[in-house]
Each structure stands twice: as structure tokens, then as C-alpha cells.
């Protein structure tokens, strides 16, 4: 990500370590990655972080518990509470007092939960096809998630399966590079199956009306992981929300339309 990145590891409740990368200076923007084998802050937001830093923001890139360079405990339930609380503690240890949260997929659900738990901490929300606004069972019926669970949960997960899973995240497979596949597979090999198989997320849709901060929502029309109906949940429940949608885009809006995502998001932050 460049030579201007610093990385620290913070010990949090339970004795877990959360790895956090940082770049830039100014108001804080925290990028929260999604789930999936091999996910990390770096691999999810490589095309975005520096654009925000160059626009005058202090960018924080954590690896969630179970992912990247953070602790990967086994034989536990990976609950939304666990993800949110360990991340919040790590951000506090990093000296963050207020931030805009940028969350994709599970990361969007974590951002929502953190905004509900600590509304004074969250300035704005930028969400890309966020999770945790439907029942867990509904998500597991989505073709992208069903394929991820059956593949990663099996005994023969390999680099070809990793490539297939990443391909499901995008509309155009040109974004699935050999380097990205190898990077995520190297992380996936260190992850316990529990991080996917024992993920436990509530349905936060009934509480969306509690979000009073400005929200910018992104969604790809060719989404295979998060139901498109999620857009209407925000439009109907939230006081201050705007939506950007793209056709011929999948789950990774911030990758497939990186330049537009960066421009819209930075304008939203500057407004």
C-alpha cells in the first residue's frame, strides 16, 4: 500500500490481537472489510485507502478478528458482538475518538452495530451492500454465500476454489488477478472454519431508524451476496440517506468502480 503505512497490533478483551494499519492525517475514516476466506483490510480496500488519505483523511485499515494478521481463535462463535467490540477497543487504543465508518458486507453490519452502540463515536456511515439487515438464514440462501460456505467448509479448499469465490464477488472477472488470489489464499489457509461456519449475525433492520448520522449507501445491481431489497430498508427507515447503484457490478463496488466510489465518498465526507 505504499511506504507511508504504519501497522500496529492491539491486544483487546479476551486476549485477542487486532492488527491495524494506518496512513494519512486528518479526520478519521475507518475501512471495515467483509467476511470470506482470505479477507483483510488491505485486500478489500487497496484501491481506496490512499485516495482518501490524499484527500486529507487519516485512514485506518483494521483486520477483523479471524482475518488478516489479527488473532484467529478456534472453537468459538464469531458473533457480530465479538467483531464489533474487539474492533471498537482496537480503535480506542489507536486513539480514535470519532470516525466515519466505511463498511462492506459484514463490515457494513459491524459499522451499523457500532453506530447503534456508540452513536457519539460515528460521524458518518458509508456502506457497500451491508450485511446484518436480514435474517442469517436469508443470507445463506443467497448464491454467493451458499457457494462460499460449501466451498470453504469442505476438506479440499484450494487455490482454484479461492479464485472461484473471489470471482463471485465481482461482475467482471478481470478484477480477479493471480496476485489477489494468492494473497487471499495465503490468509485463508490460516483461518479456522469457524470464522465462516460459526458466524452469528442478528437482523438489525428493525433498528435502522435509530441511525441519525448521514449515510451514503452503495449497491451493485448484480449482487450475489446481499439482497437488493436492503436498499429500500434504508430508504424507508433512515432520516438522512442517499444511494448510489451501479449496473454490471457485483458485491465489490469499491473494487469494480473504484474511481467513482472514491469520488462519491470523498465528496460526501467533504460536504
Foldseek 3Di string as FASTA:
>chain_A
DDDQKDKDWDQDPPRKIKIKIKGADDAEEEEFEADFFLDFQCLQQVLAQVLLRVLHYIYMTIGFALYDPIDADPPDFAELCRRQRVVVVVCVVVVQQAYEYEAAACRLVSNVVNCVVCVVRYQEYEYFLYDQQDAPVVLCPQVLNVLRLVQLVDDDNDLVSLLVSVCLQWLDSVLRDPVSSVNSNVGSVVGDSSSSPRYHGHNCLVVLLVNAHAYEYEYEPAERRHDPCVVVSNVVRYDHYDYDYYYSTYRSCCRVVVVVVNVVVSVVVVD
